[in-house]
Amino acid sequence: MKLIPNITHPLFTSESVAPGHPDKICDQIADAILDAFLKQDPHAKVACEVFITTNFVLIGGEVHSHAQVDYQVIARKVITEIGYINDEIGFNGFTCEIKVLIHEQSPDILQGVELKNHQIGAGDQGIMFGYACQQTSEYMPLAIVLAHELIKRATKLRKEKKFKYALLDMKAQVTIDQEDPKNLKIHTILMSIQHQANYDEKQFKTFIHTEIMQYIANKYHLNLDFKYLINPTRKFVIGGPAGDTGLTGRKLMVDTYGGAACHGGGAFSGKDPTKVDRTGAYYARYIAKNIVAANLAKICEVQLAYAIGTPEPIAIFVNTHQTIISGLTEAKLTEIIYQVFDCSASAMIDKLELLKQNYQQLSTYGHFGRNDLQLPWEKLDKVSLLKTYLPKK
């Protein structure tokens, strides 16, 4: 008979991974290639995918552009800057085999994107979600914010040579006790960090607990009596592409809201702004964040749906998880979105300055809630207007 644990508190968990994680290496390469195209040709159409395994990188996809890009040079630069520079750590960006299978974008797709009268059609059909909540000042779920912060600190300490024995591949997972929404607590922190073969396990784990886990908990004024796990298998020597294959777009929850919100399925990295997988998700976040900041709802999830070749969304859906302000309905909130926000493909690209972004910097630590970057989709410039829709008391 299977025992069911006695669960009294609502627990929610999110994870983050380091730049040296195989999937994230692929995302960084794909976005670095995209950046190279857009720098030369702002109207380049790019859909780039990357696969990585032991001593091998495959770059594939479709491109329509007059720009000249050296895929191998870009890939090697990304890999070596992450730190994979010798065979001893299982992968060498200077010597690994790289195969490029990029071809011209289908004219069937292109005719749906470049429309008459300077209009842009959605580069594919798809559904995108944006999300915001009041758990943190970033209007992001606490679990994913903490997971990213843990990995950022661990990576920073490693680069500064202050984190003895640590190597490039890392994961963090944070479980939050949400029993009291006004007093969130850390329930459990799990970190798996690649290390050198000859290491002091006790010293290594003590450092992670005190200088990374407790440091971040203190930074956010949270409890220190959380449970913690560090490298549960006790050994994590083989990591990176030598330990696991990597693939573009396989860390969607890391890129977005840590699983707190729905996801339409489309990845971001390697895709130019005409791809609504990326643009629609950024704009949906922009809508949701402004709605929550204006106190129309404490939680807001926005879905945008597009058909390939159509400039406007075919549907908008709003879910406030029963936190909408009294006097408003989700149907009314949807109507407000149509009035305040222009969700056409060209308007989203212009409003969010998507032809001018550095996308590689977004390929690690998430695309949303980034206070370290000045991102147009994180602006709260619609709050004042949205507040005019608050019900009169």
Protein backbone atom coordinates (compact mmCIF):
# COMPACT_ATOMS: atom_id res chain seq x y z
CA MET A 1 0.00 0.00 0.00
CA LYS A 2 1.38 3.37 -1.02
CA LEU A 3 1.63 5.92 1.79
CA ILE A 4 0.33 9.39 0.98
CA PRO A 5 2.25 12.17 2.75
CA ASN A 6 0.37 14.42 5.14
CA ILE A 7 0.35 17.68 3.16
CA THR A 8 -0.97 20.60 5.16
CA HIS A 9 0.63 23.53 3.35
CA PRO A 10 0.26 24.51 -0.34
CA LEU A 11 3.75 24.16 -1.79
CA PHE A 12 4.96 25.47 -5.15
CA THR A 13 8.32 24.76 -6.79
CA SER A 14 10.37 26.38 -9.58
CA GLU A 15 13.87 25.79 -10.97
CA SER A 16 16.66 27.65 -12.71
CA VAL A 17 19.80 26.42 -14.47
CA ALA A 18 23.23 27.94 -15.06
CA PRO A 19 24.67 29.22 -18.36
CA GLY A 20 26.79 26.04 -18.43
CA HIS A 21 23.75 23.76 -18.51
CA PRO A 22 23.58 21.97 -21.92
CA ASP A 23 20.12 23.32 -22.82
CA LYS A 24 21.14 26.85 -21.92
CA ILE A 25 24.32 26.61 -24.00
CA CYS A 26 22.05 25.94 -26.98
CA ASP A 27 19.77 28.87 -26.17
CA GLN A 28 22.77 31.20 -25.91
CA ILE A 29 24.20 30.08 -29.25
CA ALA A 30 20.84 30.43 -30.99
CA ASP A 31 20.28 33.94 -29.64
CA ALA A 32 23.86 35.01 -30.39
CA ILE A 33 23.27 33.96 -34.02
CA LEU A 34 19.99 35.88 -34.06
CA ASP A 35 21.72 38.99 -32.66
CA ALA A 36 24.39 38.77 -35.36
CA PHE A 37 21.75 38.73 -38.10
CA LEU A 38 19.67 41.56 -36.65
CA LYS A 39 22.77 43.72 -36.18
CA GLN A 40 23.44 43.60 -39.92
CA ASP A 41 19.86 43.24 -41.11
CA PRO A 42 17.06 44.36 -38.73
CA HIS A 43 14.49 42.70 -40.98
CA ALA A 44 16.18 39.30 -41.07
CA LYS A 45 13.88 36.32 -40.65
CA VAL A 46 15.58 33.79 -38.40
CA ALA A 47 14.52 30.49 -36.86
CA CYS A 48 17.63 28.85 -35.43
CA GLU A 49 17.83 25.62 -33.41
CA VAL A 50 20.90 24.15 -31.70
CA PHE A 51 21.69 20.65 -30.46
CA ILE A 52 24.75 19.83 -28.37
CA THR A 53 26.33 16.65 -27.03
CA THR A 54 29.82 15.38 -26.27
CA ASN A 55 32.27 17.26 -28.53
CA PHE A 56 29.55 18.04 -31.09
CA VAL A 57 27.26 20.97 -31.94
CA LEU A 58 24.55 20.96 -34.60
CA ILE A 59 23.10 24.27 -35.81
CA GLY A 60 19.98 24.06 -37.95
CA GLY A 61 17.06 26.19 -39.04
CA GLU A 62 15.76 28.62 -41.64
CA VAL A 63 16.97 32.13 -42.46
CA HIS A 64 15.97 34.84 -44.93
CA SER A 65 18.51 37.68 -44.90
CA HIS A 66 21.24 39.45 -46.83
CA ALA A 67 23.50 39.39 -43.74
CA GLN A 68 26.67 37.30 -43.71
CA VAL A 69 27.08 35.39 -40.45
CA ASP A 70 29.80 32.92 -39.48
CA TYR A 71 27.88 30.37 -37.41
CA GLN A 72 30.93 28.43 -36.26
CA VAL A 73 32.78 31.50 -35.01
CA ILE A 74 29.74 32.64 -33.05
CA ALA A 75 29.11 29.20 -31.53
CA ARG A 76 32.73 28.78 -30.45
CA LYS A 77 32.77 32.27 -28.92
CA VAL A 78 29.65 31.55 -26.86
CA ILE A 79 30.90 28.16 -25.67
CA THR A 80 34.37 29.36 -24.69
CA GLU A 81 33.04 32.50 -22.95
CA ILE A 82 30.82 30.25 -20.81
CA GLY A 83 34.00 28.47 -19.79
CA TYR A 84 34.15 25.26 -21.81
CA ILE A 85 37.73 25.70 -22.93
CA ASN A 86 39.49 22.36 -22.39
CA ASP A 87 38.94 18.63 -22.60
CA GLU A 88 39.40 18.17 -18.87
CA ILE A 89 35.95 19.59 -18.11
CA GLY A 90 34.31 17.41 -20.75
CA PHE A 91 33.84 19.90 -23.56
CA ASN A 92 36.15 22.15 -25.54
CA GLY A 93 34.68 24.99 -27.54
CA PHE A 94 37.93 25.46 -29.45
CA THR A 95 38.08 21.92 -30.84
CA CYS A 96 34.54 20.47 -30.80
CA GLU A 97 32.92 19.49 -34.11
CA ILE A 98 30.29 21.94 -35.37
CA LYS A 99 27.89 21.14 -38.20
CA VAL A 100 25.69 23.80 -39.79
CA LEU A 101 22.42 22.90 -41.52
CA ILE A 102 20.84 26.31 -42.14
CA HIS A 103 18.69 26.83 -45.22
CA GLU A 104 16.50 29.53 -46.76
CA GLN A 105 13.19 30.25 -45.07
CA SER A 106 10.19 28.85 -46.89
CA PRO A 107 8.58 31.42 -49.25
CA ASP A 108 5.22 30.08 -48.06
CA ILE A 109 5.99 31.47 -44.60
CA LEU A 110 7.58 34.67 -45.88
CA GLN A 111 4.51 35.67 -47.88
CA GLY A 112 2.46 35.55 -44.68
CA VAL A 113 4.88 37.75 -42.76
CA GLU A 114 5.63 40.59 -45.17
CA LEU A 115 2.21 42.02 -45.99
CA LYS A 116 1.12 45.12 -47.91
CA ASN A 117 1.01 48.64 -46.41
CA HIS A 118 4.01 47.88 -44.17
CA GLN A 119 1.95 45.45 -42.12
CA ILE A 120 3.48 42.35 -40.56
CA GLY A 121 1.67 39.08 -40.23
CA ALA A 122 2.33 36.63 -37.44
CA GLY A 123 5.21 34.34 -38.45
CA ASP A 124 3.33 31.28 -37.25
CA GLN A 125 0.14 30.24 -35.57
CA GLY A 126 0.40 29.93 -31.83
CA ILE A 127 -0.77 30.77 -28.34
CA MET A 128 1.32 32.81 -25.93
CA PHE A 129 0.89 33.59 -22.25
CA GLY A 130 1.97 36.47 -20.07
CA TYR A 131 1.78 36.50 -16.29
CA ALA A 132 2.24 38.81 -13.33
CA CYS A 133 1.55 38.61 -9.61
CA GLN A 134 2.24 40.58 -6.45
CA GLN A 135 4.53 38.09 -4.71
CA THR A 136 7.66 40.14 -5.45
CA SER A 137 8.63 43.67 -6.47
CA GLU A 138 9.39 42.26 -9.93
CA TYR A 139 5.74 41.14 -10.18
CA MET A 140 7.06 37.60 -10.55
CA PRO A 141 6.47 34.40 -8.57
CA LEU A 142 8.85 34.19 -5.61
CA ALA A 143 10.00 30.63 -6.38
CA ILE A 144 11.44 31.45 -9.81
CA VAL A 145 13.00 34.72 -8.61
CA LEU A 146 14.86 32.89 -5.84
CA ALA A 147 15.91 30.04 -8.14
CA HIS A 148 17.47 32.53 -10.57
CA GLU A 149 19.16 34.43 -7.74
CA LEU A 150 20.74 31.25 -6.37
CA ILE A 151 22.23 30.37 -9.76
CA LYS A 152 23.39 33.93 -10.39
CA ARG A 153 25.23 34.02 -7.08
CA ALA A 154 26.76 30.56 -7.50
CA THR A 155 27.96 31.44 -11.01
CA LYS A 156 29.34 34.80 -9.87
CA LEU A 157 31.28 33.23 -7.01
CA ARG A 158 32.65 30.54 -9.35
CA LYS A 159 33.83 33.13 -11.87
CA GLU A 160 35.46 35.16 -9.08
CA LYS A 161 37.26 31.97 -7.97
CA LYS A 162 35.62 32.21 -4.54
CA PHE A 163 33.62 28.96 -4.95
CA LYS A 164 36.19 26.21 -4.51
CA TYR A 165 35.71 23.00 -6.53
CA ALA A 166 32.67 24.32 -8.46
CA LEU A 167 32.37 23.70 -12.21
CA LEU A 168 30.04 25.04 -14.90
CA ASP A 169 26.85 22.97 -14.80
CA MET A 170 24.37 23.95 -12.06
CA LYS A 171 20.70 23.71 -11.16
CA ALA A 172 18.63 25.26 -8.38
CA GLN A 173 15.13 24.35 -7.29
CA VAL A 174 13.07 26.30 -4.73
CA THR A 175 9.88 25.22 -3.01
CA ILE A 176 7.78 27.96 -1.42
CA ASP A 177 5.24 27.46 1.39
CA GLN A 178 2.25 29.55 0.29
CA GLU A 179 -0.08 28.81 3.21
CA ASP A 180 -0.08 32.49 4.17
CA PRO A 181 0.07 34.59 0.95
CA LYS A 182 1.17 37.60 3.00
CA ASN A 183 4.00 35.69 4.68
CA LEU A 184 5.61 33.39 2.12
CA LYS A 185 8.29 31.05 3.40
CA ILE A 186 11.01 28.93 1.86
CA HIS A 187 10.14 25.29 2.39
CA THR A 188 13.03 23.58 0.56
CA ILE A 189 16.04 24.55 -1.55
CA LEU A 190 17.72 22.00 -3.78
CA MET A 191 20.97 22.72 -5.59
CA SER A 192 22.90 20.37 -7.87
CA ILE A 193 26.32 21.80 -8.69
CA GLN A 194 29.01 20.13 -10.77
CA HIS A 195 32.33 19.81 -8.97
CA GLN A 196 35.91 18.68 -9.44
CA ALA A 197 36.68 14.99 -8.93
CA ASN A 198 38.97 15.62 -6.00
CA TYR A 199 37.02 17.80 -3.61
CA ASP A 200 36.15 18.20 0.04
CA GLU A 201 32.45 17.29 0.10
CA LYS A 202 31.75 18.76 3.53
CA GLN A 203 33.49 22.05 2.76
CA PHE A 204 31.76 22.25 -0.63
CA LYS A 205 28.27 21.67 0.77
CA THR A 206 28.76 23.95 3.77
CA PHE A 207 29.78 26.76 1.43
CA ILE A 208 26.68 26.24 -0.73
CA HIS A 209 24.39 26.24 2.30
CA THR A 210 25.82 29.31 3.99
CA GLU A 211 27.23 31.47 1.18
CA ILE A 212 24.58 30.81 -1.46
CA MET A 213 21.33 29.49 0.03
CA GLN A 214 21.31 31.44 3.30
CA TYR A 215 22.78 34.49 1.59
CA ILE A 216 19.87 34.69 -0.87
CA ALA A 217 17.28 33.97 1.83
CA ASN A 218 18.74 36.84 3.88
CA LYS A 219 18.79 39.13 0.86
CA TYR A 220 15.02 38.66 0.45
CA HIS A 221 14.37 38.77 4.24
CA LEU A 222 13.08 35.21 4.27
CA ASN A 223 13.33 32.39 6.80
CA LEU A 224 16.56 30.47 7.29
CA ASP A 225 15.02 27.32 8.75
CA PHE A 226 14.29 25.80 5.34
CA LYS A 227 15.07 22.23 4.37
CA TYR A 228 17.91 21.86 1.90
CA LEU A 229 19.41 19.28 -0.42
CA ILE A 230 22.78 19.53 -2.15
CA ASN A 231 23.79 17.06 -4.87
CA PRO A 232 21.45 14.30 -3.66
CA THR A 233 23.42 11.60 -5.55
CA ARG A 234 26.54 12.81 -3.65
CA LYS A 235 28.58 12.98 -6.87
CA PHE A 236 28.28 15.38 -9.83
CA VAL A 237 31.62 15.31 -11.65
CA ILE A 238 30.47 14.66 -15.22
CA GLY A 239 28.33 17.59 -16.37
CA GLY A 240 27.63 19.91 -19.27
CA PRO A 241 27.36 18.42 -22.78
CA ALA A 242 29.49 15.44 -21.70
CA GLY A 243 26.87 14.47 -19.15
CA ASP A 244 23.67 15.31 -21.02
CA THR A 245 22.55 16.47 -24.45
CA GLY A 246 21.27 20.00 -24.85
CA LEU A 247 18.57 21.43 -27.09
CA THR A 248 17.20 24.89 -27.81
CA GLY A 249 13.96 25.74 -26.04
CA ARG A 250 13.92 22.87 -23.57
CA LYS A 251 13.88 25.09 -20.48
CA LEU A 252 10.62 26.96 -21.10
CA MET A 253 9.66 27.23 -17.43
CA VAL A 254 13.11 28.58 -16.57
CA ASP A 255 12.67 31.17 -19.32
CA THR A 256 9.24 32.27 -18.10
CA TYR A 257 7.44 31.95 -14.75
CA GLY A 258 8.75 28.76 -13.23
CA GLY A 259 5.58 26.85 -14.00
CA ALA A 260 3.26 29.32 -12.23
CA ALA A 261 1.58 30.19 -15.52
CA CYS A 262 0.44 28.35 -18.62
CA HIS A 263 2.75 28.11 -21.62
CA GLY A 264 1.68 27.81 -25.23
CA GLY A 265 4.57 25.54 -26.14
CA GLY A 266 6.69 27.81 -28.31
CA ALA A 267 10.26 28.59 -27.29
CA PHE A 268 11.91 32.01 -27.61
CA SER A 269 15.60 31.60 -28.38
CA GLY A 270 16.78 31.79 -31.97
CA LYS A 271 13.57 33.40 -33.25
CA ASP A 272 13.31 36.86 -34.78
CA PRO A 273 10.54 39.26 -33.62
CA THR A 274 8.10 38.28 -36.38
CA LYS A 275 7.77 34.96 -34.57
CA VAL A 276 4.87 35.53 -32.19
CA ASP A 277 6.15 32.75 -29.94
CA ARG A 278 8.58 35.37 -28.69
CA THR A 279 6.86 38.68 -29.41
CA GLY A 280 3.43 37.65 -28.18
CA ALA A 281 4.85 36.26 -24.95
CA TYR A 282 6.73 39.48 -24.26
CA TYR A 283 3.68 41.60 -25.01
CA ALA A 284 1.37 39.41 -22.94
CA ARG A 285 3.76 39.90 -20.00
CA TYR A 286 3.66 43.66 -20.61
CA ILE A 287 -0.14 43.61 -20.45
CA ALA A 288 -0.35 41.39 -17.37
CA LYS A 289 2.29 43.34 -15.43
CA ASN A 290 0.59 46.67 -16.02
CA ILE A 291 -2.79 45.26 -15.00
CA VAL A 292 -1.40 43.89 -11.72
CA ALA A 293 0.59 47.07 -11.01
CA ALA A 294 -2.61 49.09 -11.54
CA ASN A 295 -4.33 46.85 -8.94
CA LEU A 296 -7.06 45.70 -11.32
CA ALA A 297 -6.11 42.18 -10.15
CA LYS A 298 -3.53 40.63 -7.83
CA ILE A 299 -2.74 37.91 -10.37
CA CYS A 300 -3.17 38.22 -14.10
CA GLU A 301 -2.56 35.70 -16.85
CA VAL A 302 -3.09 36.85 -20.44
CA GLN A 303 -3.36 34.55 -23.45
CA LEU A 304 -2.86 35.85 -27.01
CA ALA A 305 -3.69 33.60 -29.97
CA TYR A 306 -2.53 34.21 -33.56
CA ALA A 307 -2.92 32.68 -36.99
CA ILE A 308 0.01 32.68 -39.41
CA GLY A 309 -0.11 35.65 -41.75
CA THR A 310 -2.65 37.63 -39.68
CA PRO A 311 -1.58 40.93 -38.08
CA GLU A 312 -4.11 40.90 -35.21
CA PRO A 313 -4.69 38.24 -32.56
CA ILE A 314 -7.65 35.99 -33.25
CA ALA A 315 -8.43 35.82 -29.53
CA ILE A 316 -7.46 37.27 -26.14
CA PHE A 317 -8.19 35.45 -22.89
CA VAL A 318 -7.69 36.70 -19.33
CA ASN A 319 -7.50 34.69 -16.11
CA THR A 320 -7.12 36.55 -12.81
CA HIS A 321 -7.37 33.43 -10.63
CA GLN A 322 -10.31 35.00 -8.76
CA THR A 323 -8.23 38.01 -7.68
CA ILE A 324 -9.92 40.62 -9.87
CA ILE A 325 -10.96 43.78 -8.08
CA SER A 326 -14.57 43.94 -6.97
CA GLY A 327 -16.76 45.58 -9.58
CA LEU A 328 -14.81 44.28 -12.56
CA THR A 329 -15.24 41.07 -14.53
CA GLU A 330 -12.73 39.22 -16.67
CA ALA A 331 -14.92 39.94 -19.68
CA LYS A 332 -14.67 43.66 -18.91
CA LEU A 333 -10.92 43.32 -18.35
CA THR A 334 -10.57 41.71 -21.77
CA GLU A 335 -12.47 44.64 -23.25
CA ILE A 336 -10.08 47.05 -21.48
CA ILE A 337 -7.08 45.22 -22.98
CA TYR A 338 -8.50 45.68 -26.48
CA GLN A 339 -8.94 49.40 -25.77
CA VAL A 340 -5.54 50.07 -24.15
CA PHE A 341 -3.12 47.69 -25.89
CA ASP A 342 -2.41 47.23 -29.61
CA CYS A 343 -1.65 43.54 -30.01
CA SER A 344 -0.97 43.60 -33.75
CA ALA A 345 2.35 42.06 -34.73
CA SER A 346 3.90 45.27 -36.07
CA ALA A 347 2.68 47.35 -33.10
CA MET A 348 4.14 44.87 -30.61
CA ILE A 349 7.50 44.89 -32.38
CA ASP A 350 7.58 48.70 -32.44
CA LYS A 351 6.33 49.23 -28.88
CA LEU A 352 8.78 46.76 -27.38
CA GLU A 353 11.68 47.83 -29.64
CA LEU A 354 12.23 44.22 -30.57
CA LEU A 355 14.49 44.93 -33.53
CA LYS A 356 16.99 46.61 -31.18
CA GLN A 357 17.28 44.07 -28.38
CA ASN A 358 20.28 42.02 -27.31
CA TYR A 359 18.66 38.61 -27.12
CA GLN A 360 21.65 36.62 -25.94
CA GLN A 361 21.50 38.38 -22.56
CA LEU A 362 17.96 37.01 -22.15
CA SER A 363 18.88 33.41 -22.85
CA THR A 364 19.93 32.85 -19.23
CA TYR A 365 18.15 33.74 -15.97
CA GLY A 366 14.77 34.26 -17.61
CA HIS A 367 13.15 36.73 -19.99
CA PHE A 368 10.90 38.42 -17.41
CA GLY A 369 11.28 40.31 -14.15
CA ARG A 370 14.84 41.29 -15.08
CA ASN A 371 15.61 44.34 -12.96
CA ASP A 372 19.22 44.07 -14.13
CA LEU A 373 18.15 44.96 -17.68
CA GLN A 374 16.09 47.80 -19.14
CA LEU A 375 13.47 45.77 -20.99
CA PRO A 376 10.55 47.53 -22.68
CA TRP A 377 8.07 44.75 -21.79
CA GLU A 378 8.82 45.37 -18.11
CA LYS A 379 7.75 49.03 -18.28
CA LEU A 380 4.73 50.17 -16.28
CA ASP A 381 3.75 53.01 -18.61
CA LYS A 382 0.09 51.95 -18.88
CA VAL A 383 -0.65 51.92 -15.15
CA SER A 384 -2.06 55.44 -14.95
CA LEU A 385 -4.40 54.81 -17.87
CA LEU A 386 -5.51 51.45 -16.51
CA LYS A 387 -6.31 52.99 -13.12
CA THR A 388 -8.98 55.12 -14.81
CA TYR A 389 -10.89 51.87 -15.29
CA LEU A 390 -11.00 51.13 -11.56
CA PRO A 391 -14.64 50.91 -10.36
CA LYS A 392 -15.86 54.06 -8.71
CA LYS A 393 -16.44 53.68 -4.97
